[in-house]
Amino acid sequence: MSFVAPHPESDAGQDAWITIARTLADELARTAGQRERDGVLPHAEIKTLKDVGLVNLLIPREQGGEGGSFATAVQVVKEISKGDGSIGLLLQFQYQTSSVPRFFDPAGDAAEITRRSAEGRWLWGNLHVPEVQAVPDGRGGFRVSGAKHWSTAGALAT
């Protein structure tokens, strides 16, 4: 798939994100059923979300993101979900979880974390583990241990 990222500072740019989501949803729909039956993690699909800029949609432009609006993000998630509901849910949690630093910034570190997230095109995971331990795994990631109550994108977060 090849996409050109729009310039979301205009209304036409916001519409372009929805067009990208529709096109991507058509592609996702072709493989969603088989991926689900095979139990395959959607690494390639997540890479595409990163490559086209959708993981950075809500990050402000001055912090390296795409500067999209919440209204656009809702429409993007709806369109992606039409092709693959699981990928749509991952993207919805991405928008929710990656926004947390900007909403709750007690130490004043949100701008730095957000810039790093945009630069690395991070996919944010979401774990609810009351007592968790995260230890570097020696490969640039972490090994997380604890009693998992639920998780979204924990295996895909980067």
N, C-alpha and C. Protein backbone atom coordinates (compact mmCIF):
# COMPACT_ATOMS: atom_id res chain seq x y z
N MET A 1 0.84 -1.18 0.00
CA MET A 1 0.00 0.00 0.00
C MET A 1 0.88 1.23 0.00
N SER A 2 0.47 2.26 -0.74
CA SER A 2 1.21 3.51 -0.66
C SER A 2 0.22 4.65 -0.50
N PHE A 3 0.53 5.49 0.46
CA PHE A 3 -0.32 6.62 0.79
C PHE A 3 0.53 7.86 0.90
N VAL A 4 -0.07 9.01 0.62
CA VAL A 4 0.60 10.29 0.85
C VAL A 4 -0.12 10.93 2.03
N ALA A 5 0.62 11.27 3.07
CA ALA A 5 0.01 11.90 4.24
C ALA A 5 -0.51 13.28 3.88
N PRO A 6 -1.73 13.60 4.28
CA PRO A 6 -2.32 14.91 3.98
C PRO A 6 -1.75 15.99 4.91
N HIS A 7 -2.13 17.19 4.64
CA HIS A 7 -1.77 18.31 5.50
C HIS A 7 -3.02 18.71 6.27
N PRO A 8 -3.14 18.24 7.53
CA PRO A 8 -4.40 18.38 8.26
C PRO A 8 -4.68 19.77 8.80
N GLU A 9 -3.86 20.77 8.51
CA GLU A 9 -4.18 22.09 9.04
C GLU A 9 -5.37 22.72 8.31
N SER A 10 -5.81 22.11 7.23
CA SER A 10 -6.99 22.62 6.52
C SER A 10 -8.12 21.60 6.62
N ASP A 11 -9.34 22.07 6.36
CA ASP A 11 -10.49 21.16 6.36
C ASP A 11 -10.29 20.06 5.32
N ALA A 12 -9.72 20.40 4.17
CA ALA A 12 -9.47 19.40 3.13
C ALA A 12 -8.49 18.35 3.65
N GLY A 13 -7.51 18.76 4.47
CA GLY A 13 -6.56 17.82 5.05
C GLY A 13 -7.24 16.85 5.98
N GLN A 14 -8.19 17.35 6.77
CA GLN A 14 -8.91 16.46 7.67
C GLN A 14 -9.72 15.44 6.87
N ASP A 15 -10.33 15.88 5.78
CA ASP A 15 -11.07 14.95 4.91
C ASP A 15 -10.12 13.93 4.28
N ALA A 16 -8.90 14.34 4.01
CA ALA A 16 -7.93 13.42 3.40
C ALA A 16 -7.62 12.26 4.35
N TRP A 17 -7.57 12.53 5.67
CA TRP A 17 -7.34 11.44 6.63
C TRP A 17 -8.46 10.40 6.56
N ILE A 18 -9.68 10.88 6.39
CA ILE A 18 -10.82 9.96 6.30
C ILE A 18 -10.74 9.16 5.00
N THR A 19 -10.32 9.79 3.92
CA THR A 19 -10.12 9.08 2.66
C THR A 19 -9.05 8.01 2.80
N ILE A 20 -7.95 8.36 3.45
CA ILE A 20 -6.89 7.37 3.70
C ILE A 20 -7.46 6.20 4.50
N ALA A 21 -8.23 6.50 5.54
CA ALA A 21 -8.81 5.44 6.38
C ALA A 21 -9.73 4.54 5.56
N ARG A 22 -10.53 5.11 4.67
CA ARG A 22 -11.42 4.30 3.83
C ARG A 22 -10.63 3.38 2.91
N THR A 23 -9.59 3.91 2.30
CA THR A 23 -8.76 3.11 1.41
C THR A 23 -8.08 1.99 2.18
N LEU A 24 -7.54 2.32 3.35
CA LEU A 24 -6.89 1.32 4.18
C LEU A 24 -7.90 0.27 4.65
N ALA A 25 -9.11 0.69 4.99
CA ALA A 25 -10.15 -0.25 5.43
C ALA A 25 -10.47 -1.27 4.34
N ASP A 26 -10.50 -0.81 3.09
CA ASP A 26 -10.73 -1.75 1.98
C ASP A 26 -9.64 -2.80 1.92
N GLU A 27 -8.39 -2.38 2.11
CA GLU A 27 -7.27 -3.32 2.12
C GLU A 27 -7.36 -4.27 3.31
N LEU A 28 -7.67 -3.74 4.48
CA LEU A 28 -7.78 -4.56 5.69
C LEU A 28 -8.88 -5.61 5.55
N ALA A 29 -9.98 -5.23 4.93
CA ALA A 29 -11.12 -6.14 4.79
C ALA A 29 -10.75 -7.38 3.98
N ARG A 30 -9.81 -7.24 3.06
CA ARG A 30 -9.41 -8.38 2.23
C ARG A 30 -8.70 -9.47 3.03
N THR A 31 -8.06 -9.10 4.13
CA THR A 31 -7.25 -10.07 4.87
C THR A 31 -7.71 -10.30 6.31
N ALA A 32 -8.65 -9.51 6.79
CA ALA A 32 -9.05 -9.57 8.21
C ALA A 32 -9.54 -10.96 8.63
N GLY A 33 -10.42 -11.54 7.86
CA GLY A 33 -10.98 -12.84 8.21
C GLY A 33 -9.92 -13.93 8.31
N GLN A 34 -9.05 -13.98 7.33
CA GLN A 34 -8.01 -15.00 7.34
C GLN A 34 -7.02 -14.78 8.49
N ARG A 35 -6.63 -13.51 8.72
CA ARG A 35 -5.73 -13.22 9.83
C ARG A 35 -6.35 -13.65 11.16
N GLU A 36 -7.64 -13.41 11.29
CA GLU A 36 -8.35 -13.79 12.53
C GLU A 36 -8.38 -15.31 12.67
N ARG A 37 -8.72 -16.01 11.59
CA ARG A 37 -8.76 -17.48 11.65
C ARG A 37 -7.39 -18.07 11.97
N ASP A 38 -6.35 -17.46 11.41
CA ASP A 38 -4.99 -17.96 11.62
C ASP A 38 -4.38 -17.50 12.94
N GLY A 39 -5.04 -16.57 13.62
CA GLY A 39 -4.52 -16.05 14.89
C GLY A 39 -3.22 -15.29 14.72
N VAL A 40 -3.08 -14.58 13.61
CA VAL A 40 -1.86 -13.85 13.29
C VAL A 40 -1.94 -12.44 13.89
N LEU A 41 -0.89 -12.05 14.61
CA LEU A 41 -0.82 -10.67 15.11
C LEU A 41 -0.66 -9.72 13.93
N PRO A 42 -1.31 -8.57 13.95
CA PRO A 42 -1.32 -7.67 12.79
C PRO A 42 -0.10 -6.75 12.70
N HIS A 43 1.10 -7.31 12.71
CA HIS A 43 2.30 -6.49 12.66
C HIS A 43 2.37 -5.65 11.38
N ALA A 44 2.08 -6.26 10.23
CA ALA A 44 2.14 -5.53 8.96
C ALA A 44 1.09 -4.41 8.93
N GLU A 45 -0.07 -4.69 9.47
CA GLU A 45 -1.14 -3.69 9.48
C GLU A 45 -0.79 -2.52 10.39
N ILE A 46 -0.18 -2.81 11.53
CA ILE A 46 0.25 -1.75 12.44
C ILE A 46 1.35 -0.92 11.78
N LYS A 47 2.26 -1.59 11.06
CA LYS A 47 3.31 -0.86 10.34
C LYS A 47 2.69 0.11 9.34
N THR A 48 1.64 -0.32 8.67
CA THR A 48 0.97 0.56 7.71
C THR A 48 0.35 1.76 8.42
N LEU A 49 -0.31 1.53 9.57
CA LEU A 49 -0.87 2.65 10.34
C LEU A 49 0.23 3.65 10.70
N LYS A 50 1.40 3.14 11.03
CA LYS A 50 2.54 4.01 11.35
C LYS A 50 3.02 4.74 10.09
N ASP A 51 3.20 3.97 9.00
CA ASP A 51 3.74 4.54 7.77
C ASP A 51 2.89 5.67 7.21
N VAL A 52 1.57 5.55 7.31
CA VAL A 52 0.69 6.58 6.75
C VAL A 52 0.44 7.72 7.73
N GLY A 53 0.92 7.59 8.96
CA GLY A 53 0.79 8.67 9.93
C GLY A 53 -0.41 8.60 10.84
N LEU A 54 -1.23 7.56 10.71
CA LEU A 54 -2.44 7.50 11.54
C LEU A 54 -2.16 7.34 13.03
N VAL A 55 -1.05 6.71 13.42
CA VAL A 55 -0.77 6.60 14.86
C VAL A 55 -0.44 7.96 15.46
N ASN A 56 0.00 8.91 14.63
CA ASN A 56 0.36 10.25 15.11
C ASN A 56 -0.73 11.29 14.84
N LEU A 57 -1.90 10.85 14.44
CA LEU A 57 -2.95 11.77 14.03
C LEU A 57 -3.26 12.82 15.08
N LEU A 58 -3.39 12.45 16.34
CA LEU A 58 -3.80 13.40 17.38
C LEU A 58 -2.63 14.14 18.04
N ILE A 59 -1.42 13.80 17.69
CA ILE A 59 -0.28 14.51 18.28
C ILE A 59 -0.16 15.86 17.60
N PRO A 60 -0.03 16.94 18.38
CA PRO A 60 0.08 18.28 17.79
C PRO A 60 1.26 18.38 16.82
N ARG A 61 1.09 19.18 15.77
CA ARG A 61 2.14 19.34 14.76
C ARG A 61 3.43 19.86 15.38
N GLU A 62 3.32 20.76 16.35
CA GLU A 62 4.53 21.33 16.95
C GLU A 62 5.31 20.30 17.77
N GLN A 63 4.70 19.14 18.01
CA GLN A 63 5.39 18.06 18.71
C GLN A 63 5.70 16.90 17.76
N GLY A 64 5.60 17.15 16.47
CA GLY A 64 5.99 16.16 15.47
C GLY A 64 4.87 15.29 14.94
N GLY A 65 3.64 15.56 15.39
CA GLY A 65 2.51 14.75 14.96
C GLY A 65 1.79 15.35 13.76
N GLU A 66 0.60 14.85 13.52
CA GLU A 66 -0.18 15.26 12.35
C GLU A 66 -1.19 16.35 12.66
N GLY A 67 -1.42 16.65 13.95
CA GLY A 67 -2.28 17.77 14.32
C GLY A 67 -3.75 17.58 14.01
N GLY A 68 -4.20 16.34 13.96
CA GLY A 68 -5.60 16.07 13.66
C GLY A 68 -6.52 16.38 14.84
N SER A 69 -7.79 16.44 14.57
CA SER A 69 -8.79 16.74 15.60
C SER A 69 -9.41 15.44 16.13
N PHE A 70 -10.04 15.54 17.29
CA PHE A 70 -10.74 14.38 17.84
C PHE A 70 -11.88 13.96 16.92
N ALA A 71 -12.55 14.92 16.32
CA ALA A 71 -13.65 14.60 15.40
C ALA A 71 -13.13 13.77 14.22
N THR A 72 -11.98 14.14 13.69
CA THR A 72 -11.39 13.38 12.59
C THR A 72 -10.98 12.00 13.07
N ALA A 73 -10.39 11.91 14.25
CA ALA A 73 -9.96 10.61 14.78
C ALA A 73 -11.15 9.67 14.93
N VAL A 74 -12.27 10.19 15.39
CA VAL A 74 -13.48 9.35 15.53
C VAL A 74 -13.90 8.82 14.16
N GLN A 75 -13.89 9.68 13.16
CA GLN A 75 -14.27 9.25 11.80
C GLN A 75 -13.28 8.23 11.25
N VAL A 76 -12.00 8.45 11.50
CA VAL A 76 -10.97 7.52 11.03
C VAL A 76 -11.18 6.15 11.66
N VAL A 77 -11.42 6.11 12.96
CA VAL A 77 -11.64 4.83 13.65
C VAL A 77 -12.88 4.14 13.08
N LYS A 78 -13.94 4.89 12.83
CA LYS A 78 -15.15 4.29 12.25
C LYS A 78 -14.86 3.68 10.89
N GLU A 79 -14.12 4.38 10.06
CA GLU A 79 -13.80 3.87 8.72
C GLU A 79 -12.91 2.64 8.79
N ILE A 80 -11.85 2.69 9.58
CA ILE A 80 -10.95 1.54 9.72
C ILE A 80 -11.72 0.33 10.23
N SER A 81 -12.61 0.55 11.18
CA SER A 81 -13.39 -0.54 11.78
C SER A 81 -14.30 -1.22 10.77
N LYS A 82 -14.71 -0.51 9.75
CA LYS A 82 -15.52 -1.13 8.71
C LYS A 82 -14.75 -2.22 7.98
N GLY A 83 -13.44 -2.06 7.88
CA GLY A 83 -12.61 -3.06 7.22
C GLY A 83 -12.11 -4.13 8.16
N ASP A 84 -11.80 -3.74 9.39
CA ASP A 84 -11.28 -4.67 10.39
C ASP A 84 -11.55 -4.07 11.77
N GLY A 85 -12.54 -4.60 12.44
CA GLY A 85 -12.94 -4.08 13.74
C GLY A 85 -11.83 -4.15 14.77
N SER A 86 -11.00 -5.18 14.71
CA SER A 86 -9.90 -5.32 15.67
C SER A 86 -8.86 -4.22 15.47
N ILE A 87 -8.53 -3.92 14.24
CA ILE A 87 -7.56 -2.85 13.97
C ILE A 87 -8.17 -1.51 14.36
N GLY A 88 -9.45 -1.34 14.09
CA GLY A 88 -10.13 -0.11 14.51
C GLY A 88 -10.06 0.08 16.02
N LEU A 89 -10.26 -1.00 16.76
CA LEU A 89 -10.17 -0.92 18.22
C LEU A 89 -8.76 -0.59 18.68
N LEU A 90 -7.75 -1.20 18.05
CA LEU A 90 -6.36 -0.87 18.39
C LEU A 90 -6.08 0.61 18.15
N LEU A 91 -6.58 1.13 17.03
CA LEU A 91 -6.37 2.54 16.72
C LEU A 91 -7.10 3.44 17.71
N GLN A 92 -8.31 3.05 18.10
CA GLN A 92 -9.05 3.84 19.10
C GLN A 92 -8.29 3.88 20.41
N PHE A 93 -7.78 2.74 20.86
CA PHE A 93 -6.99 2.72 22.09
C PHE A 93 -5.70 3.51 21.91
N GLN A 94 -5.11 3.49 20.72
CA GLN A 94 -3.92 4.31 20.44
C GLN A 94 -4.23 5.77 20.69
N TYR A 95 -5.34 6.25 20.14
CA TYR A 95 -5.68 7.66 20.30
C TYR A 95 -5.95 8.00 21.77
N GLN A 96 -6.65 7.12 22.44
CA GLN A 96 -6.96 7.34 23.85
C GLN A 96 -5.69 7.32 24.70
N THR A 97 -4.90 6.28 24.57
CA THR A 97 -3.75 6.09 25.45
C THR A 97 -2.63 7.07 25.14
N SER A 98 -2.38 7.34 23.86
CA SER A 98 -1.29 8.26 23.52
C SER A 98 -1.62 9.70 23.90
N SER A 99 -2.89 10.00 24.16
CA SER A 99 -3.29 11.35 24.58
C SER A 99 -3.13 11.57 26.08
N VAL A 100 -3.01 10.50 26.84
CA VAL A 100 -2.94 10.60 28.30
C VAL A 100 -1.86 11.57 28.78
N PRO A 101 -0.63 11.51 28.25
CA PRO A 101 0.38 12.45 28.75
C PRO A 101 -0.03 13.92 28.59
N ARG A 102 -0.75 14.24 27.53
CA ARG A 102 -1.16 15.63 27.31
C ARG A 102 -2.29 16.04 28.24
N PHE A 103 -3.07 15.07 28.72
CA PHE A 103 -4.17 15.38 29.64
C PHE A 103 -3.71 15.41 31.09
N PHE A 104 -2.78 14.55 31.43
CA PHE A 104 -2.30 14.43 32.81
C PHE A 104 -0.79 14.60 32.78
N ASP A 105 -0.33 15.78 33.08
CA ASP A 105 1.08 16.10 32.95
C ASP A 105 1.65 16.63 34.26
N PRO A 106 1.62 15.82 35.33
CA PRO A 106 2.04 16.35 36.63
C PRO A 106 3.51 16.76 36.71
N ALA A 107 4.37 16.13 35.94
CA ALA A 107 5.79 16.43 36.01
C ALA A 107 6.24 17.36 34.88
N GLY A 108 5.35 17.73 33.99
CA GLY A 108 5.72 18.60 32.89
C GLY A 108 6.48 17.91 31.77
N ASP A 109 6.37 16.61 31.68
CA ASP A 109 7.12 15.84 30.69
C ASP A 109 6.32 15.48 29.44
N ALA A 110 5.10 15.92 29.33
CA ALA A 110 4.24 15.49 28.22
C ALA A 110 4.82 15.86 26.86
N ALA A 111 5.36 17.05 26.72
CA ALA A 111 5.87 17.46 25.41
C ALA A 111 7.01 16.56 24.96
N GLU A 112 7.92 16.22 25.86
CA GLU A 112 9.05 15.36 25.50
C GLU A 112 8.57 13.95 25.16
N ILE A 113 7.69 13.39 25.96
CA ILE A 113 7.17 12.05 25.69
C ILE A 113 6.41 12.04 24.37
N THR A 114 5.63 13.08 24.14
CA THR A 114 4.84 13.16 22.91
C THR A 114 5.75 13.30 21.70
N ARG A 115 6.80 14.12 21.78
CA ARG A 115 7.75 14.24 20.67
C ARG A 115 8.43 12.90 20.38
N ARG A 116 8.84 12.20 21.44
CA ARG A 116 9.48 10.90 21.24
C ARG A 116 8.50 9.91 20.61
N SER A 117 7.25 9.95 21.05
CA SER A 117 6.23 9.07 20.49
C SER A 117 6.02 9.35 19.01
N ALA A 118 5.92 10.63 18.65
CA ALA A 118 5.73 11.00 17.24
C ALA A 118 6.93 10.58 16.40
N GLU A 119 8.12 10.87 16.91
CA GLU A 119 9.34 10.53 16.17
C GLU A 119 9.46 9.03 15.94
N GLY A 120 9.16 8.25 16.97
CA GLY A 120 9.26 6.79 16.85
C GLY A 120 8.02 6.13 16.29
N ARG A 121 6.98 6.93 16.06
CA ARG A 121 5.68 6.40 15.60
C ARG A 121 5.24 5.24 16.48
N TRP A 122 5.26 5.53 17.78
CA TRP A 122 4.90 4.51 18.76
C TRP A 122 3.45 4.10 18.64
N LEU A 123 3.18 2.82 18.81
CA LEU A 123 1.84 2.33 19.05
C LEU A 123 1.77 2.09 20.56
N TRP A 124 0.89 2.78 21.22
CA TRP A 124 0.78 2.69 22.66
C TRP A 124 -0.07 1.49 23.05
N GLY A 125 0.39 0.72 24.01
CA GLY A 125 -0.37 -0.39 24.57
C GLY A 125 -1.06 0.06 25.84
N ASN A 126 -1.97 -0.76 26.31
CA ASN A 126 -2.75 -0.41 27.48
C ASN A 126 -2.90 -1.68 28.30
N LEU A 127 -2.31 -1.69 29.47
CA LEU A 127 -2.41 -2.83 30.38
C LEU A 127 -3.06 -2.40 31.68
N HIS A 128 -3.91 -3.23 32.20
CA HIS A 128 -4.44 -2.99 33.55
C HIS A 128 -3.88 -4.10 34.43
N VAL A 129 -2.79 -3.77 35.09
CA VAL A 129 -2.12 -4.72 35.95
C VAL A 129 -1.82 -3.98 37.25
N PRO A 130 -2.57 -4.28 38.32
CA PRO A 130 -2.38 -3.53 39.58
C PRO A 130 -0.95 -3.55 40.10
N GLU A 131 -0.30 -4.68 40.05
CA GLU A 131 1.09 -4.76 40.47
C GLU A 131 1.88 -5.33 39.31
N VAL A 132 2.63 -4.45 38.66
CA VAL A 132 3.34 -4.84 37.46
C VAL A 132 4.82 -4.52 37.63
N GLN A 133 5.62 -5.31 36.97
CA GLN A 133 7.05 -5.06 36.92
C GLN A 133 7.46 -5.10 35.46
N ALA A 134 8.11 -4.04 35.00
CA ALA A 134 8.63 -3.97 33.64
C ALA A 134 10.14 -3.92 33.72
N VAL A 135 10.78 -4.91 33.10
CA VAL A 135 12.24 -5.03 33.15
C VAL A 135 12.76 -5.01 31.72
N PRO A 136 13.80 -4.19 31.43
CA PRO A 136 14.36 -4.19 30.07
C PRO A 136 14.73 -5.61 29.64
N ASP A 137 14.38 -5.93 28.38
CA ASP A 137 14.62 -7.29 27.89
C ASP A 137 15.95 -7.43 27.16
N GLY A 138 16.74 -6.35 27.07
CA GLY A 138 18.03 -6.42 26.41
C GLY A 138 17.96 -6.27 24.90
N ARG A 139 16.74 -6.13 24.34
CA ARG A 139 16.57 -6.00 22.89
C ARG A 139 15.86 -4.69 22.55
N GLY A 140 15.83 -3.77 23.49
CA GLY A 140 15.16 -2.50 23.25
C GLY A 140 13.72 -2.46 23.73
N GLY A 141 13.24 -3.56 24.28
CA GLY A 141 11.86 -3.61 24.79
C GLY A 141 11.86 -3.94 26.26
N PHE A 142 10.72 -4.38 26.75
CA PHE A 142 10.57 -4.72 28.16
C PHE A 142 9.86 -6.05 28.31
N ARG A 143 10.18 -6.75 29.39
CA ARG A 143 9.44 -7.94 29.79
C ARG A 143 8.56 -7.48 30.94
N VAL A 144 7.25 -7.63 30.75
CA VAL A 144 6.27 -7.19 31.74
C VAL A 144 5.73 -8.41 32.46
N SER A 145 5.71 -8.36 33.79
CA SER A 145 5.16 -9.48 34.55
C SER A 145 4.21 -8.95 35.61
N GLY A 146 3.25 -9.76 35.95
CA GLY A 146 2.22 -9.41 36.92
C GLY A 146 0.94 -10.15 36.57
N ALA A 147 -0.10 -9.94 37.32
CA ALA A 147 -1.40 -10.57 37.04
C ALA A 147 -2.17 -9.65 36.10
N LYS A 148 -2.33 -10.09 34.86
CA LYS A 148 -3.01 -9.28 33.84
C LYS A 148 -4.52 -9.41 33.97
N HIS A 149 -5.18 -8.28 34.13
CA HIS A 149 -6.65 -8.29 34.16
C HIS A 149 -7.20 -8.09 32.76
N TRP A 150 -6.59 -7.20 32.01
CA TRP A 150 -6.89 -7.05 30.58
C TRP A 150 -5.77 -6.25 29.93
N SER A 151 -5.69 -6.35 28.61
CA SER A 151 -4.63 -5.70 27.87
C SER A 151 -5.14 -5.36 26.47
N THR A 152 -4.71 -4.23 25.95
CA THR A 152 -4.97 -3.88 24.57
C THR A 152 -3.64 -3.50 23.94
N ALA A 153 -3.25 -4.21 22.94
CA ALA A 153 -2.03 -3.96 22.16
C ALA A 153 -0.76 -4.21 22.94
N GLY A 154 -0.81 -4.87 24.07
CA GLY A 154 0.40 -5.12 24.83
C GLY A 154 1.47 -5.84 24.02
N ALA A 155 1.07 -6.79 23.21
CA ALA A 155 2.03 -7.53 22.39
C ALA A 155 2.47 -6.77 21.15
N LEU A 156 1.78 -5.68 20.83
CA LEU A 156 2.07 -4.92 19.62
C LEU A 156 2.69 -3.55 19.90
N ALA A 157 2.63 -3.11 21.14
CA ALA A 157 3.12 -1.77 21.49
C ALA A 157 4.59 -1.62 21.14
N THR A 158 4.92 -0.50 20.53
CA THR A 158 6.30 -0.22 20.17
C THR A 158 6.62 1.22 20.46
